[in-house]
N, C-alpha and C. Protein backbone atom coordinates (compact mmCIF):
# COMPACT_ATOMS: atom_id res chain seq x y z
N MET A 1 0.88 -1.14 -0.04
CA MET A 1 -0.07 0.06 0.02
C MET A 1 0.88 1.29 0.06
N ASP A 2 1.64 1.40 -1.03
CA ASP A 2 2.60 2.47 -1.12
C ASP A 2 2.11 3.62 -1.90
N CYS A 3 1.07 3.49 -2.64
CA CYS A 3 0.24 4.55 -3.52
C CYS A 3 -1.05 4.80 -3.16
N TYR A 4 -1.66 5.83 -3.78
CA TYR A 4 -3.10 6.10 -3.54
C TYR A 4 -3.48 7.05 -4.68
N ILE A 5 -4.84 7.05 -4.76
CA ILE A 5 -5.51 8.04 -5.65
C ILE A 5 -6.69 8.62 -4.86
N ASP A 6 -6.64 10.00 -4.88
CA ASP A 6 -7.79 10.85 -4.23
C ASP A 6 -8.81 11.11 -5.12
N ILE A 7 -10.07 10.96 -4.74
CA ILE A 7 -11.20 11.30 -5.67
C ILE A 7 -12.10 12.29 -4.70
N LYS A 8 -12.04 13.54 -5.03
CA LYS A 8 -12.78 14.47 -4.26
C LYS A 8 -14.18 14.65 -4.93
N ILE A 9 -15.29 14.52 -4.29
CA ILE A 9 -16.59 14.58 -4.77
C ILE A 9 -17.00 16.03 -4.75
N VAL A 10 -17.52 16.55 -5.88
CA VAL A 10 -17.92 17.87 -6.00
C VAL A 10 -19.42 17.92 -6.47
N PRO A 11 -20.28 17.72 -5.34
CA PRO A 11 -21.69 17.66 -5.64
C PRO A 11 -22.27 19.08 -6.20
N ASN A 12 -23.35 19.11 -6.78
CA ASN A 12 -24.07 20.20 -7.33
C ASN A 12 -25.46 20.06 -7.20
N LYS A 13 -26.36 20.94 -7.71
CA LYS A 13 -27.75 20.89 -7.57
C LYS A 13 -28.41 19.73 -8.29
N GLU A 14 -27.67 19.14 -9.21
CA GLU A 14 -28.22 17.96 -9.92
C GLU A 14 -28.15 16.75 -9.14
N ILE A 15 -27.06 16.61 -8.39
CA ILE A 15 -26.86 15.25 -7.62
C ILE A 15 -26.33 15.63 -6.19
N ARG A 16 -26.96 15.00 -5.20
CA ARG A 16 -26.56 15.32 -3.84
C ARG A 16 -25.30 14.44 -3.40
N GLU A 17 -24.53 14.90 -2.52
CA GLU A 17 -23.18 14.38 -2.14
C GLU A 17 -23.44 12.80 -1.83
N ASN A 18 -24.47 12.35 -0.99
CA ASN A 18 -24.53 11.05 -0.63
C ASN A 18 -24.98 10.15 -1.84
N ILE A 19 -25.77 10.56 -2.76
CA ILE A 19 -26.14 9.86 -3.87
C ILE A 19 -24.89 9.62 -4.68
N LEU A 20 -24.16 10.67 -4.90
CA LEU A 20 -22.92 10.66 -5.81
C LEU A 20 -21.87 9.59 -5.08
N LEU A 21 -21.73 9.70 -3.78
CA LEU A 21 -20.83 8.79 -3.09
C LEU A 21 -21.36 7.22 -3.28
N ASN A 22 -22.63 7.13 -3.05
CA ASN A 22 -23.32 5.74 -3.35
C ASN A 22 -23.02 5.19 -4.68
N GLN A 23 -23.15 6.02 -5.71
CA GLN A 23 -23.03 5.60 -7.16
C GLN A 23 -21.44 5.44 -7.43
N LEU A 24 -20.62 6.35 -6.94
CA LEU A 24 -19.08 6.20 -7.19
C LEU A 24 -18.59 4.78 -6.47
N TYR A 25 -19.08 4.60 -5.32
CA TYR A 25 -18.73 3.25 -4.51
C TYR A 25 -19.08 2.08 -5.27
N THR A 26 -20.35 2.12 -5.89
CA THR A 26 -20.92 1.10 -6.63
C THR A 26 -20.04 0.77 -7.94
N ALA A 27 -19.74 1.88 -8.58
CA ALA A 27 -18.82 1.75 -9.75
C ALA A 27 -17.48 1.17 -9.36
N PHE A 28 -16.97 1.69 -8.22
CA PHE A 28 -15.57 1.17 -7.72
C PHE A 28 -15.77 -0.37 -7.37
N HIS A 29 -16.72 -0.80 -6.69
CA HIS A 29 -16.99 -2.19 -6.36
C HIS A 29 -17.18 -3.01 -7.68
N LYS A 30 -17.81 -2.52 -8.62
CA LYS A 30 -17.89 -3.33 -9.97
C LYS A 30 -16.55 -3.44 -10.51
N ARG A 31 -15.68 -2.52 -10.44
CA ARG A 31 -14.35 -2.58 -11.20
C ARG A 31 -13.48 -3.54 -10.43
N LEU A 32 -13.62 -3.48 -9.03
CA LEU A 32 -12.71 -4.38 -8.22
C LEU A 32 -13.28 -5.82 -8.45
N TYR A 33 -14.61 -5.98 -8.60
CA TYR A 33 -15.20 -7.40 -8.82
C TYR A 33 -14.71 -7.85 -10.18
N ASP A 34 -14.73 -7.10 -11.30
CA ASP A 34 -14.24 -7.42 -12.50
C ASP A 34 -12.82 -7.84 -12.53
N LEU A 35 -11.88 -7.04 -11.87
CA LEU A 35 -10.55 -7.28 -11.60
C LEU A 35 -10.24 -8.56 -10.67
N LYS A 36 -11.22 -9.05 -9.87
CA LYS A 36 -11.08 -9.92 -8.85
C LYS A 36 -9.97 -9.60 -7.88
N SER A 37 -9.93 -8.30 -7.67
CA SER A 37 -8.94 -7.65 -6.85
C SER A 37 -8.97 -7.96 -5.42
N LYS A 38 -7.78 -8.23 -4.74
CA LYS A 38 -7.78 -8.48 -3.40
C LYS A 38 -6.70 -7.70 -2.70
N ASP A 39 -6.13 -6.66 -3.58
CA ASP A 39 -5.04 -5.82 -3.05
C ASP A 39 -5.25 -4.27 -3.25
N ILE A 40 -6.59 -3.99 -3.39
CA ILE A 40 -6.92 -2.51 -3.54
C ILE A 40 -7.87 -2.16 -2.37
N ALA A 41 -7.49 -1.10 -1.72
CA ALA A 41 -8.35 -0.70 -0.46
C ALA A 41 -8.98 0.67 -0.68
N VAL A 42 -9.93 1.00 0.10
CA VAL A 42 -10.59 2.30 0.02
C VAL A 42 -10.56 2.95 1.58
N SER A 43 -10.54 4.18 1.55
CA SER A 43 -10.71 4.91 2.85
C SER A 43 -11.39 6.21 2.66
N PHE A 44 -11.93 6.75 3.79
CA PHE A 44 -12.63 7.99 3.64
C PHE A 44 -12.09 9.02 4.78
N PRO A 45 -10.82 9.64 4.42
CA PRO A 45 -10.16 10.45 5.47
C PRO A 45 -10.95 11.65 6.02
N GLU A 46 -12.01 12.02 5.41
CA GLU A 46 -12.71 13.22 5.90
C GLU A 46 -13.94 12.75 6.75
N TYR A 47 -14.09 11.58 7.07
CA TYR A 47 -15.31 11.09 7.73
C TYR A 47 -15.35 11.70 9.13
N ARG A 48 -16.71 11.93 9.51
CA ARG A 48 -17.01 12.39 10.90
C ARG A 48 -18.23 11.66 11.12
N LEU A 49 -19.33 12.25 11.07
CA LEU A 49 -20.63 11.58 11.16
C LEU A 49 -21.08 10.96 9.72
N LYS A 50 -20.69 11.61 8.73
CA LYS A 50 -20.90 10.99 7.35
C LYS A 50 -19.46 10.70 6.74
N LEU A 51 -19.39 9.85 5.78
CA LEU A 51 -18.27 9.45 5.16
C LEU A 51 -17.40 10.49 4.58
N GLY A 52 -18.07 11.68 4.17
CA GLY A 52 -17.22 12.89 3.56
C GLY A 52 -17.26 12.83 2.12
N ARG A 53 -16.40 13.78 1.65
CA ARG A 53 -16.28 13.96 0.08
C ARG A 53 -15.00 13.43 -0.44
N LEU A 54 -14.14 12.92 0.40
CA LEU A 54 -12.88 12.43 -0.13
C LEU A 54 -12.85 11.01 -0.04
N PHE A 55 -12.83 10.32 -1.33
CA PHE A 55 -12.72 8.82 -1.50
C PHE A 55 -11.35 8.61 -1.96
N ARG A 56 -10.61 7.86 -1.11
CA ARG A 56 -9.25 7.55 -1.27
C ARG A 56 -9.06 6.15 -1.57
N ILE A 57 -8.32 5.71 -2.69
CA ILE A 57 -8.11 4.34 -3.16
C ILE A 57 -6.65 4.12 -2.90
N HIS A 58 -6.38 2.90 -2.12
CA HIS A 58 -4.94 2.55 -1.75
C HIS A 58 -4.63 1.34 -2.56
N GLY A 59 -3.24 1.21 -2.86
CA GLY A 59 -2.70 0.07 -3.54
C GLY A 59 -1.34 0.28 -3.97
N SER A 60 -0.79 -0.76 -4.63
CA SER A 60 0.52 -0.59 -5.25
C SER A 60 0.36 0.26 -6.56
N LYS A 61 1.46 0.69 -7.06
CA LYS A 61 1.35 1.57 -8.38
C LYS A 61 0.78 0.79 -9.44
N GLU A 62 1.18 -0.54 -9.44
CA GLU A 62 0.65 -1.42 -10.58
C GLU A 62 -0.76 -1.76 -10.44
N SER A 63 -1.23 -1.93 -9.11
CA SER A 63 -2.60 -2.25 -9.01
C SER A 63 -3.54 -1.16 -9.36
N LEU A 64 -3.10 0.10 -8.94
CA LEU A 64 -3.90 1.20 -9.23
C LEU A 64 -3.84 1.64 -10.77
N GLU A 65 -2.81 1.24 -11.46
CA GLU A 65 -2.72 1.45 -12.92
C GLU A 65 -3.64 0.57 -13.54
N LYS A 66 -3.72 -0.78 -13.04
CA LYS A 66 -4.61 -1.72 -13.54
C LYS A 66 -6.09 -1.31 -13.36
N LEU A 67 -6.38 -0.72 -12.22
CA LEU A 67 -7.74 -0.27 -11.84
C LEU A 67 -8.02 0.85 -12.96
N ASN A 68 -7.15 1.68 -13.29
CA ASN A 68 -7.55 2.87 -14.18
C ASN A 68 -7.39 2.53 -15.60
N GLU A 69 -7.03 1.25 -15.92
CA GLU A 69 -6.93 0.97 -17.40
C GLU A 69 -8.33 1.20 -18.08
N LYS A 70 -9.35 0.89 -17.38
CA LYS A 70 -10.68 1.15 -17.91
C LYS A 70 -11.27 2.40 -17.15
N ASP A 71 -12.03 3.17 -17.88
CA ASP A 71 -12.76 4.30 -17.34
C ASP A 71 -13.97 3.89 -16.47
N TRP A 72 -13.54 3.46 -15.18
CA TRP A 72 -14.76 2.97 -14.34
C TRP A 72 -15.50 4.06 -13.75
N LEU A 73 -14.98 5.22 -13.73
CA LEU A 73 -15.75 6.42 -13.20
C LEU A 73 -16.87 6.75 -14.25
N GLY A 74 -16.62 6.59 -15.42
CA GLY A 74 -17.64 6.96 -16.43
C GLY A 74 -18.20 8.42 -16.31
N LYS A 75 -19.63 8.53 -16.15
CA LYS A 75 -20.24 9.84 -16.16
C LYS A 75 -20.10 10.57 -14.88
N TYR A 76 -19.61 9.70 -13.87
CA TYR A 76 -19.44 10.40 -12.47
C TYR A 76 -18.04 11.28 -12.44
N LYS A 77 -17.34 11.14 -13.43
CA LYS A 77 -16.00 11.85 -13.52
C LYS A 77 -16.34 13.33 -13.55
N ALA A 78 -17.52 13.73 -14.14
CA ALA A 78 -17.78 15.12 -14.19
C ALA A 78 -18.08 15.81 -12.79
N PHE A 79 -18.46 14.89 -11.78
CA PHE A 79 -18.75 15.33 -10.58
C PHE A 79 -17.56 15.09 -9.50
N CYS A 80 -16.32 14.95 -10.05
CA CYS A 80 -15.29 14.49 -9.15
C CYS A 80 -13.96 15.16 -9.61
N LYS A 81 -13.07 15.34 -8.78
CA LYS A 81 -11.68 15.72 -8.98
C LYS A 81 -10.79 14.58 -8.68
N VAL A 82 -10.17 14.11 -9.71
CA VAL A 82 -9.31 12.75 -9.53
C VAL A 82 -7.81 13.23 -9.68
N SER A 83 -7.05 12.79 -8.56
CA SER A 83 -5.68 12.91 -8.57
C SER A 83 -4.91 11.95 -9.49
N ASN A 84 -3.75 12.19 -9.73
CA ASN A 84 -2.79 11.09 -10.30
C ASN A 84 -2.55 10.19 -9.16
N ILE A 85 -1.86 9.10 -9.73
CA ILE A 85 -1.36 8.11 -8.59
C ILE A 85 -0.31 8.86 -7.90
N ALA A 86 -0.24 8.92 -6.64
CA ALA A 86 0.76 9.51 -5.74
C ALA A 86 1.27 8.50 -4.74
N THR A 87 2.47 8.84 -4.13
CA THR A 87 3.09 7.90 -3.21
C THR A 87 2.47 8.35 -1.80
N VAL A 88 2.42 7.44 -0.88
CA VAL A 88 1.95 7.74 0.29
C VAL A 88 3.10 8.50 1.14
N PRO A 89 2.66 9.53 1.95
CA PRO A 89 3.72 10.27 2.62
C PRO A 89 4.31 9.31 3.69
N GLU A 90 5.50 9.77 4.14
CA GLU A 90 6.27 9.05 5.28
C GLU A 90 5.62 9.38 6.52
N ASN A 91 5.91 8.59 7.57
CA ASN A 91 5.40 8.72 8.89
C ASN A 91 3.93 8.83 9.11
N VAL A 92 3.22 7.99 8.40
CA VAL A 92 1.78 7.91 8.57
C VAL A 92 1.48 6.86 9.70
N ARG A 93 0.12 6.98 10.05
CA ARG A 93 -0.46 6.05 10.95
C ARG A 93 -1.27 5.10 10.16
N TYR A 94 -1.81 3.99 10.65
CA TYR A 94 -2.55 2.98 9.88
C TYR A 94 -3.79 2.75 10.68
N ARG A 95 -4.83 2.35 9.91
CA ARG A 95 -6.04 1.86 10.55
C ARG A 95 -6.93 0.90 9.62
N THR A 96 -7.78 0.01 10.10
CA THR A 96 -8.57 -0.76 9.28
C THR A 96 -9.76 0.01 9.11
N VAL A 97 -10.26 -0.26 7.80
CA VAL A 97 -11.51 0.21 7.28
C VAL A 97 -12.40 -1.05 6.80
N SER A 98 -13.36 -1.34 7.66
CA SER A 98 -14.10 -2.52 7.42
C SER A 98 -15.59 -2.36 7.37
N ARG A 99 -16.30 -3.53 7.07
CA ARG A 99 -17.80 -3.65 7.20
C ARG A 99 -18.18 -3.93 8.51
N VAL A 100 -19.26 -3.38 9.04
CA VAL A 100 -19.86 -3.87 10.25
C VAL A 100 -21.38 -4.15 10.03
N GLN A 101 -21.79 -5.31 10.57
CA GLN A 101 -23.27 -5.64 10.25
C GLN A 101 -24.00 -5.84 11.46
N GLN A 102 -25.32 -5.43 11.33
CA GLN A 102 -26.18 -5.62 12.41
C GLN A 102 -26.61 -7.05 12.57
N ASN A 103 -26.62 -7.58 13.67
CA ASN A 103 -26.89 -8.94 13.88
C ASN A 103 -28.46 -9.34 13.56
N MET A 104 -29.31 -8.41 13.90
CA MET A 104 -30.73 -8.59 13.85
C MET A 104 -31.35 -7.83 12.69
N THR A 105 -31.90 -8.49 11.58
CA THR A 105 -32.48 -7.81 10.47
C THR A 105 -33.70 -8.34 10.15
N GLU A 106 -34.53 -7.59 9.31
CA GLU A 106 -35.82 -8.16 8.86
C GLU A 106 -35.70 -9.32 7.92
N ALA A 107 -34.60 -9.33 7.15
CA ALA A 107 -34.33 -10.58 6.29
C ALA A 107 -34.15 -11.77 7.20
N LYS A 108 -33.38 -11.59 8.28
CA LYS A 108 -33.15 -12.76 9.18
C LYS A 108 -34.35 -13.16 9.72
N LEU A 109 -35.32 -12.27 10.30
CA LEU A 109 -36.43 -12.47 10.82
C LEU A 109 -37.46 -13.29 9.81
N ARG A 110 -37.40 -12.87 8.67
CA ARG A 110 -38.23 -13.64 7.65
C ARG A 110 -37.73 -15.05 7.48
N ARG A 111 -36.48 -15.29 7.56
CA ARG A 111 -35.93 -16.65 7.51
C ARG A 111 -36.17 -17.57 8.77
N LEU A 112 -36.31 -16.86 9.86
CA LEU A 112 -36.47 -17.62 10.96
C LEU A 112 -37.95 -18.03 11.18
N VAL A 113 -38.90 -17.06 10.62
CA VAL A 113 -40.38 -17.20 10.53
C VAL A 113 -40.65 -18.52 9.54
N LYS A 114 -39.94 -18.43 8.43
CA LYS A 114 -40.22 -19.53 7.42
C LYS A 114 -39.81 -20.77 7.91
N ARG A 115 -38.56 -20.79 8.51
CA ARG A 115 -38.10 -22.17 9.14
C ARG A 115 -39.04 -22.60 10.34
N GLY A 116 -39.70 -21.75 10.90
CA GLY A 116 -40.39 -22.07 12.04
C GLY A 116 -39.66 -22.07 13.44
N THR A 117 -38.59 -21.36 13.34
CA THR A 117 -37.55 -21.36 14.48
C THR A 117 -37.87 -20.25 15.54
N ILE A 118 -38.74 -19.34 15.16
CA ILE A 118 -39.23 -18.31 16.11
C ILE A 118 -40.79 -18.44 16.28
N PRO A 119 -41.28 -18.53 17.55
CA PRO A 119 -42.82 -18.60 17.65
C PRO A 119 -43.41 -17.27 17.27
N GLU A 120 -44.73 -17.27 16.92
CA GLU A 120 -45.46 -16.16 16.36
C GLU A 120 -45.41 -14.97 17.54
N GLU A 121 -45.54 -15.39 18.72
CA GLU A 121 -45.53 -14.45 19.81
C GLU A 121 -44.18 -13.67 20.10
N ASP A 122 -43.05 -14.16 19.56
CA ASP A 122 -41.80 -13.59 19.74
C ASP A 122 -41.42 -12.60 18.64
N ILE A 123 -42.11 -12.68 17.53
CA ILE A 123 -41.82 -11.75 16.41
C ILE A 123 -41.75 -10.31 16.85
N LYS A 124 -42.72 -9.89 17.56
CA LYS A 124 -42.86 -8.45 18.01
C LYS A 124 -41.67 -8.18 18.93
N LYS A 125 -41.33 -9.15 19.78
CA LYS A 125 -40.10 -8.88 20.72
C LYS A 125 -38.74 -8.64 19.83
N TYR A 126 -38.74 -9.65 18.84
CA TYR A 126 -37.60 -9.58 17.96
C TYR A 126 -37.31 -8.19 17.31
N ARG A 127 -38.53 -7.80 16.69
CA ARG A 127 -38.54 -6.36 16.06
C ARG A 127 -38.08 -5.13 17.02
N ILE A 128 -38.61 -5.27 18.13
CA ILE A 128 -38.32 -4.12 19.11
C ILE A 128 -36.79 -4.26 19.32
N LYS A 129 -36.38 -5.45 19.73
CA LYS A 129 -34.86 -5.66 19.95
C LYS A 129 -33.99 -5.27 18.78
N MET A 130 -34.46 -5.45 17.64
CA MET A 130 -33.88 -5.15 16.35
C MET A 130 -33.62 -3.60 16.15
N PHE A 131 -34.78 -2.94 16.49
CA PHE A 131 -34.60 -1.48 16.38
C PHE A 131 -33.81 -0.73 17.48
N GLN A 132 -33.88 -1.29 18.48
CA GLN A 132 -33.00 -0.89 19.69
C GLN A 132 -31.59 -0.89 19.47
N GLY A 133 -31.16 -1.95 18.76
CA GLY A 133 -29.80 -2.29 18.61
C GLY A 133 -29.29 -1.87 17.28
N GLY A 134 -29.86 -0.74 16.62
CA GLY A 134 -29.38 -0.24 15.25
C GLY A 134 -27.93 0.33 15.31
N LEU A 135 -27.42 0.34 14.12
CA LEU A 135 -26.00 0.92 14.12
C LEU A 135 -26.14 2.48 13.75
N ASP A 136 -25.11 3.17 14.32
CA ASP A 136 -25.04 4.53 13.90
C ASP A 136 -23.73 4.72 13.16
N ASN A 137 -23.20 3.86 12.60
CA ASN A 137 -21.92 4.10 11.79
C ASN A 137 -22.34 4.74 10.42
N PRO A 138 -21.35 5.43 9.88
CA PRO A 138 -21.64 6.04 8.50
C PRO A 138 -21.80 4.84 7.52
N TYR A 139 -22.46 4.99 6.38
CA TYR A 139 -22.75 4.07 5.46
C TYR A 139 -22.89 4.45 4.01
N VAL A 140 -22.87 3.44 3.18
CA VAL A 140 -23.13 3.78 1.75
C VAL A 140 -24.32 2.83 1.40
N ASP A 141 -25.16 3.20 0.51
CA ASP A 141 -26.13 2.37 -0.08
C ASP A 141 -25.58 1.91 -1.52
N LEU A 142 -25.47 0.55 -1.64
CA LEU A 142 -24.84 0.04 -2.89
C LEU A 142 -25.83 -0.93 -3.53
N MET A 143 -25.66 -1.00 -4.92
CA MET A 143 -26.46 -1.88 -5.83
C MET A 143 -25.59 -3.18 -5.74
N SER A 144 -26.25 -4.36 -5.32
CA SER A 144 -25.66 -5.68 -5.41
C SER A 144 -25.36 -6.18 -6.74
N MET A 145 -24.15 -6.76 -6.99
CA MET A 145 -23.80 -7.32 -8.26
C MET A 145 -24.56 -8.49 -8.49
N SER A 146 -24.78 -9.34 -7.55
CA SER A 146 -25.57 -10.68 -7.74
C SER A 146 -26.91 -10.56 -8.01
N ASN A 147 -27.79 -9.76 -7.16
CA ASN A 147 -29.17 -9.68 -7.38
C ASN A 147 -29.85 -8.36 -7.80
N GLY A 148 -28.95 -7.25 -7.86
CA GLY A 148 -29.40 -6.05 -8.31
C GLY A 148 -30.11 -5.28 -7.24
N GLN A 149 -30.04 -5.80 -5.99
CA GLN A 149 -30.88 -5.08 -4.97
C GLN A 149 -29.95 -4.06 -4.27
N LEU A 150 -30.62 -3.05 -3.62
CA LEU A 150 -29.88 -1.91 -2.95
C LEU A 150 -29.69 -2.53 -1.56
N HIS A 151 -28.57 -2.33 -1.12
CA HIS A 151 -28.26 -2.88 0.28
C HIS A 151 -27.37 -1.67 0.99
N ARG A 152 -27.59 -1.59 2.22
CA ARG A 152 -26.76 -0.65 3.02
C ARG A 152 -25.48 -1.25 3.58
N ARG A 153 -24.41 -0.73 3.41
CA ARG A 153 -23.02 -1.19 4.01
C ARG A 153 -22.46 -0.18 4.93
N PHE A 154 -22.49 -0.61 6.29
CA PHE A 154 -22.08 0.21 7.33
C PHE A 154 -20.54 0.10 7.31
N ILE A 155 -19.86 1.26 7.61
CA ILE A 155 -18.40 1.22 7.63
C ILE A 155 -17.88 1.43 9.09
N GLU A 156 -16.94 0.83 9.40
CA GLU A 156 -16.37 0.83 10.82
C GLU A 156 -14.80 1.19 10.65
N PHE A 157 -14.41 2.15 11.30
CA PHE A 157 -12.88 2.51 11.23
C PHE A 157 -12.25 2.06 12.64
N GLY A 158 -11.21 1.27 12.43
CA GLY A 158 -10.33 0.84 13.48
C GLY A 158 -9.62 1.86 14.26
N GLU A 159 -8.97 1.50 15.30
CA GLU A 159 -8.01 2.33 16.05
C GLU A 159 -6.98 2.70 15.16
N LEU A 160 -6.31 3.87 15.44
CA LEU A 160 -5.16 4.24 14.73
C LEU A 160 -3.92 3.47 15.30
N GLN A 161 -3.01 2.97 14.46
CA GLN A 161 -1.96 2.19 15.06
C GLN A 161 -0.59 2.54 14.23
N ASP A 162 0.46 2.23 14.76
CA ASP A 162 1.78 2.60 14.14
C ASP A 162 2.28 1.82 13.10
N LYS A 163 1.74 0.47 13.05
CA LYS A 163 2.28 -0.42 11.99
C LYS A 163 1.13 -0.85 11.11
N GLU A 164 1.65 -1.11 9.82
CA GLU A 164 0.70 -1.60 8.84
C GLU A 164 0.62 -3.10 9.03
N THR A 165 -0.62 -3.60 8.84
CA THR A 165 -0.79 -5.03 9.02
C THR A 165 -1.37 -5.50 7.54
N LYS A 166 -0.80 -6.51 6.98
CA LYS A 166 -1.06 -7.00 5.63
C LYS A 166 -2.13 -8.02 5.59
N GLY A 167 -2.88 -8.08 4.48
CA GLY A 167 -3.85 -9.16 4.30
C GLY A 167 -4.67 -8.73 3.02
N GLU A 168 -5.75 -9.39 2.73
CA GLU A 168 -6.46 -9.23 1.57
C GLU A 168 -7.68 -8.30 1.85
N PHE A 169 -8.17 -7.65 0.77
CA PHE A 169 -9.26 -6.83 0.85
C PHE A 169 -10.46 -7.39 0.07
N ASP A 170 -11.60 -7.21 0.40
CA ASP A 170 -12.92 -7.66 -0.39
C ASP A 170 -13.00 -6.85 -1.55
N THR A 171 -13.94 -7.17 -2.32
CA THR A 171 -14.21 -6.53 -3.61
C THR A 171 -14.94 -5.11 -3.36
N PHE A 172 -15.04 -4.74 -2.17
CA PHE A 172 -15.55 -3.29 -1.68
C PHE A 172 -14.36 -2.59 -1.16
N GLY A 173 -13.05 -3.17 -1.33
CA GLY A 173 -11.89 -2.38 -0.76
C GLY A 173 -11.83 -2.44 0.79
N LEU A 174 -12.47 -3.26 1.47
CA LEU A 174 -12.50 -3.23 2.90
C LEU A 174 -11.94 -4.50 3.46
N SER A 175 -11.35 -4.40 4.73
CA SER A 175 -10.86 -5.55 5.35
C SER A 175 -10.71 -5.25 7.00
N ASN A 176 -11.07 -6.13 7.77
CA ASN A 176 -11.12 -6.04 9.18
C ASN A 176 -9.76 -6.60 9.70
N ILE A 177 -8.77 -6.88 8.82
CA ILE A 177 -7.46 -7.38 9.20
C ILE A 177 -6.35 -6.35 8.74
N SER A 178 -6.56 -6.03 7.48
CA SER A 178 -5.47 -5.20 6.92
C SER A 178 -5.53 -3.68 7.20
N ALA A 179 -4.49 -3.24 7.82
CA ALA A 179 -4.65 -1.75 8.01
C ALA A 179 -3.90 -0.94 6.90
N ILE A 180 -4.46 0.10 6.61
CA ILE A 180 -4.12 1.08 5.48
C ILE A 180 -3.58 2.32 5.88
N PRO A 181 -2.69 2.94 5.11
CA PRO A 181 -2.17 4.29 5.63
C PRO A 181 -3.33 5.26 5.81
N TRP A 182 -3.16 6.04 6.99
CA TRP A 182 -4.26 7.05 7.32
C TRP A 182 -3.54 8.28 7.32
N PHE A 183 -4.03 9.19 6.49
CA PHE A 183 -3.39 10.56 6.49
C PHE A 183 -4.41 11.52 5.86
């Protein structure tokens, strides 16, 4: 992870920031899926309550060049400022950027009901518990590659650390093991 590309989202009246980020991330995911990439990561250095307008892609120079061989940004390029491939600064810290999931969901409840694992009188209790345990992490709404359904992907940021940890990333550029440069 010695190089990166910054994509600064520039929303306007036509398209809101969160919608643009969702579409940009979906396009990024599709490109990683096509490449079967396991060595490209993503981070959101401006995140606070929301993920922010800076979408940073991490990888080796070769991986990032391969990512950019195809114009994966397409029509979204008009709403972004894209940097050239740059070298990660020295003396940075590291952190994991990963997916976090809610344990109790409506889909899980439907499966439990269909299997007969949950009695009818416990369905209301399950829903109450589900809504009380909601996540407040920042998220993106993505289009699924497999079924075309929209799904929400909550993002979790690990603690800052002094050393990089290496491993693979999923086709969303996330990993709960691999720490990426944070600057």
